[in-house]
C-alpha atoms as a PDB file:
ATOM      1  CA  MET A   1    -123.186 -31.246  50.928  1.00  0.00           C
ATOM      2  CA  ASP A   2    -119.747 -31.779  51.635  1.00  0.00           C
ATOM      3  CA  ILE A   3    -118.348 -32.721  55.001  1.00  0.00           C
ATOM      4  CA  ARG A   4    -114.186 -33.314  54.802  1.00  0.00           C
ATOM      5  CA  ILE A   5    -112.561 -33.876  57.548  1.00  0.00           C
ATOM      6  CA  GLU A   6    -109.171 -31.310  57.506  1.00  0.00           C
ATOM      7  CA  LEU A   7    -107.783 -31.683  60.955  1.00  0.00           C
ATOM      8  CA  VAL A   8    -106.898 -34.485  63.080  1.00  0.00           C
ATOM      9  CA  SER A   9    -105.035 -33.817  66.724  1.00  0.00           C
ATOM     10  CA  ILE A  10    -101.890 -36.022  67.453  1.00  0.00           C
ATOM     11  CA  PRO A  11    -100.565 -35.802  70.607  1.00  0.00           C
ATOM     12  CA  VAL A  12     -97.378 -35.552  71.226  1.00  0.00           C
ATOM     13  CA  THR A  13     -94.672 -35.026  74.654  1.00  0.00           C
ATOM     14  CA  ASP A  14     -92.245 -32.850  72.086  1.00  0.00           C
ATOM     15  CA  ILE A  15     -92.944 -30.345  69.105  1.00  0.00           C
ATOM     16  CA  ASP A  16     -90.088 -30.739  67.729  1.00  0.00           C
ATOM     17  CA  ARG A  17     -89.555 -33.973  67.558  1.00  0.00           C
ATOM     18  CA  ALA A  18     -92.562 -34.767  66.119  1.00  0.00           C
ATOM     19  CA  ILE A  19     -92.082 -32.396  63.381  1.00  0.00           C
ATOM     20  CA  ALA A  20     -88.590 -33.594  63.075  1.00  0.00           C
ATOM     21  CA  PHE A  21     -90.344 -37.114  62.830  1.00  0.00           C
ATOM     22  CA  TYR A  22     -92.911 -36.093  60.300  1.00  0.00           C
ATOM     23  CA  THR A  23     -91.336 -33.882  58.008  1.00  0.00           C
ATOM     24  CA  GLU A  24     -87.583 -35.175  57.836  1.00  0.00           C
ATOM     25  CA  GLN A  25     -88.410 -38.802  57.998  1.00  0.00           C
ATOM     26  CA  VAL A  26     -92.347 -39.446  57.227  1.00  0.00           C
ATOM     27  CA  GLY A  27     -92.188 -37.317  54.372  1.00  0.00           C
ATOM     28  CA  PHE A  28     -94.688 -34.745  55.745  1.00  0.00           C
ATOM     29  CA  THR A  29     -94.942 -31.321  54.353  1.00  0.00           C
ATOM     30  CA  LEU A  30     -94.869 -28.676  57.858  1.00  0.00           C
ATOM     31  CA  ASP A  31     -97.662 -25.913  57.364  1.00  0.00           C
ATOM     32  CA  HIS A  32     -97.637 -24.068  59.989  1.00  0.00           C
ATOM     33  CA  ASP A  33     -95.225 -23.542  62.984  1.00  0.00           C
ATOM     34  CA  HIS A  34     -97.328 -21.087  65.242  1.00  0.00           C
ATOM     35  CA  ARG A  35     -96.597 -19.460  68.576  1.00  0.00           C
ATOM     36  CA  VAL A  36     -99.242 -17.967  70.318  1.00  0.00           C
ATOM     37  CA  SER A  37     -98.346 -17.843  73.234  1.00  0.00           C
ATOM     38  CA  ASP A  38     -94.990 -19.412  76.078  1.00  0.00           C
ATOM     39  CA  GLU A  39     -97.504 -22.779  76.715  1.00  0.00           C
ATOM     40  CA  VAL A  40     -99.781 -22.554  73.032  1.00  0.00           C
ATOM     41  CA  ARG A  41     -97.826 -23.524  69.883  1.00  0.00           C
ATOM     42  CA  PHE A  42     -99.961 -24.102  66.319  1.00  0.00           C
ATOM     43  CA  VAL A  43     -98.305 -26.877  64.234  1.00  0.00           C
ATOM     44  CA  GLN A  44    -100.232 -28.392  61.244  1.00  0.00           C
ATOM     45  CA  ILE A  45     -98.286 -30.555  59.004  1.00  0.00           C
ATOM     46  CA  THR A  46     -99.896 -32.441  55.486  1.00  0.00           C
ATOM     47  CA  PRO A  47     -99.018 -35.776  54.273  1.00  0.00           C
ATOM     48  CA  PRO A  48     -98.649 -35.140  50.393  1.00  0.00           C
ATOM     49  CA  GLY A  49    -101.761 -34.876  48.746  1.00  0.00           C
ATOM     50  CA  SER A  50    -104.206 -35.059  51.754  1.00  0.00           C
ATOM     51  CA  ALA A  51    -106.592 -32.830  52.046  1.00  0.00           C
ATOM     52  CA  CYS A  52    -106.380 -33.546  55.922  1.00  0.00           C
ATOM     53  CA  SER A  53    -103.793 -32.068  58.221  1.00  0.00           C
ATOM     54  CA  ILE A  54    -102.291 -33.245  61.277  1.00  0.00           C
ATOM     55  CA  LEU A  55    -102.305 -31.299  64.340  1.00  0.00           C
ATOM     56  CA  VAL A  56     -98.994 -32.011  66.610  1.00  0.00           C
ATOM     57  CA  GLY A  57     -98.734 -30.992  69.925  1.00  0.00           C
ATOM     58  CA  HIS A  58    -100.820 -30.582  73.678  1.00  0.00           C
ATOM     59  CA  LEU A  59    -103.942 -28.698  72.193  1.00  0.00           C
ATOM     60  CA  SER A  60    -106.242 -31.588  71.911  1.00  0.00           C
ATOM     61  CA  GLY A  61    -106.042 -32.962  76.054  1.00  0.00           C
ATOM     62  CA  MET A  62    -105.047 -36.028  74.847  1.00  0.00           C
ATOM     63  CA  ALA A  63    -102.053 -38.362  76.062  1.00  0.00           C
ATOM     64  CA  PRO A  64     -99.286 -38.182  74.315  1.00  0.00           C
ATOM     65  CA  GLY A  65     -98.778 -41.288  71.905  1.00  0.00           C
ATOM     66  CA  SER A  66    -103.117 -42.262  72.936  1.00  0.00           C
ATOM     67  CA  GLN A  67    -103.748 -41.542  68.870  1.00  0.00           C
ATOM     68  CA  GLN A  68    -103.828 -45.129  67.680  1.00  0.00           C
ATOM     69  CA  GLN A  69    -105.029 -46.711  63.805  1.00  0.00           C
ATOM     70  CA  LEU A  70    -104.438 -43.465  61.838  1.00  0.00           C
ATOM     71  CA  GLN A  71    -105.042 -44.611  57.984  1.00  0.00           C
ATOM     72  CA  CYS A  72    -103.755 -43.163  55.169  1.00  0.00           C
ATOM     73  CA  VAL A  73    -103.989 -44.866  51.603  1.00  0.00           C
ATOM     74  CA  VAL A  74    -100.950 -45.395  49.182  1.00  0.00           C
ATOM     75  CA  PRO A  75    -100.735 -46.317  45.918  1.00  0.00           C
ATOM     76  CA  ASP A  76     -98.109 -49.124  46.547  1.00  0.00           C
ATOM     77  CA  ALA A  77     -97.734 -50.500  50.225  1.00  0.00           C
ATOM     78  CA  ASP A  78     -93.847 -52.083  48.868  1.00  0.00           C
ATOM     79  CA  ALA A  79     -92.890 -48.418  48.048  1.00  0.00           C
ATOM     80  CA  ALA A  80     -94.483 -47.130  51.192  1.00  0.00           C
ATOM     81  CA  LEU A  81     -92.614 -49.032  53.399  1.00  0.00           C
ATOM     82  CA  ALA A  82     -89.393 -49.102  51.610  1.00  0.00           C
ATOM     83  CA  GLU A  83     -89.816 -44.709  51.383  1.00  0.00           C
ATOM     84  CA  LEU A  84     -89.955 -45.337  55.275  1.00  0.00           C
ATOM     85  CA  ARG A  85     -87.729 -47.487  55.841  1.00  0.00           C
ATOM     86  CA  GLU A  86     -85.170 -45.222  53.975  1.00  0.00           C
ATOM     87  CA  ARG A  87     -85.892 -42.555  55.940  1.00  0.00           C
ATOM     88  CA  GLY A  88     -85.161 -44.457  59.366  1.00  0.00           C
ATOM     89  CA  VAL A  89     -88.392 -45.269  60.289  1.00  0.00           C
ATOM     90  CA  GLU A  90     -89.007 -48.507  61.461  1.00  0.00           C
ATOM     91  CA  ALA A  91     -91.927 -49.916  59.889  1.00  0.00           C
ATOM     92  CA  GLN A  92     -93.282 -53.181  59.774  1.00  0.00           C
ATOM     93  CA  GLY A  93     -93.622 -55.027  56.443  1.00  0.00           C
ATOM     94  CA  VAL A  94     -96.360 -55.004  54.172  1.00  0.00           C
ATOM     95  CA  ASP A  95     -99.374 -57.031  56.080  1.00  0.00           C
ATOM     96  CA  GLU A  96    -101.370 -58.622  53.171  1.00  0.00           C
ATOM     97  CA  GLN A  97    -105.826 -58.869  53.491  1.00  0.00           C
ATOM     98  CA  PRO A  98    -108.181 -60.091  51.535  1.00  0.00           C
ATOM     99  CA  TRP A  99    -109.269 -56.055  51.606  1.00  0.00           C
ATOM    100  CA  GLY A 100    -105.459 -54.525  51.363  1.00  0.00           C
ATOM    101  CA  ARG A 101    -102.218 -54.539  51.604  1.00  0.00           C
ATOM    102  CA  PHE A 102    -100.972 -52.487  54.847  1.00  0.00           C
ATOM    103  CA  VAL A 103     -97.464 -50.675  56.269  1.00  0.00           C
ATOM    104  CA  TYR A 104     -97.833 -50.246  59.692  1.00  0.00           C
ATOM    105  CA  PHE A 105     -95.456 -47.698  62.013  1.00  0.00           C
ATOM    106  CA  ALA A 106     -95.889 -45.558  65.465  1.00  0.00           C
ATOM    107  CA  ASP A 107     -94.221 -42.042  65.758  1.00  0.00           C
ATOM    108  CA  PRO A 108     -91.367 -40.995  68.896  1.00  0.00           C
ATOM    109  CA  ASP A 109     -94.494 -41.599  71.625  1.00  0.00           C
ATOM    110  CA  GLY A 110     -96.553 -44.046  69.870  1.00  0.00           C
ATOM    111  CA  ASN A 111     -99.111 -42.302  67.696  1.00  0.00           C
ATOM    112  CA  THR A 112    -100.078 -45.503  65.509  1.00  0.00           C
ATOM    113  CA  TRP A 113    -100.224 -45.205  61.855  1.00  0.00           C
ATOM    114  CA  SER A 114    -101.355 -47.344  58.834  1.00  0.00           C
ATOM    115  CA  TYR A 115    -101.196 -46.644  54.779  1.00  0.00           C
ATOM    116  CA  GLN A 116    -103.484 -48.651  53.137  1.00  0.00           C
ATOM    117  CA  GLN A 117    -103.047 -50.229  49.593  1.00  0.00           C
ATOM    118  CA  VAL A 118    -106.636 -50.955  48.269  1.00  0.00           C
ATOM    119  CA  VAL A 119    -106.367 -54.497  46.361  1.00  0.00           C
ATOM    120  CA  PRO A 120    -109.150 -54.342  43.486  1.00  0.00           C
ATOM    121  CA  GLN A 121    -111.810 -56.936  44.682  1.00  0.00           C
ATOM    122  CA  GLY A 122    -112.615 -59.250  42.093  1.00  0.00           C
END
């Protein structure tokens, strides 16, 4: 049986600001922006090439900024850092570890992310 994670909630205070950050600055794709009612808005955004999307907003019940250490895998940490900075994201430089090379950043609410370049063991 296959089990796939398909959606992770990212709690934010301002959905429009989050859409702009994740699409215009980080480079993710806006898949859905659906207003169910005045109180409920379903916004789904996906990283390029990912099978898992993020849900931004208030639907999770978590406090804005409380989603910490989400991790994506990238082929080249240096290129990822350069692209993030070029798009105006305040990303930390490449952190070299024996198990990978990492780039860290946060969204405007303080939800944190890392991009990992897997380093071959050997």
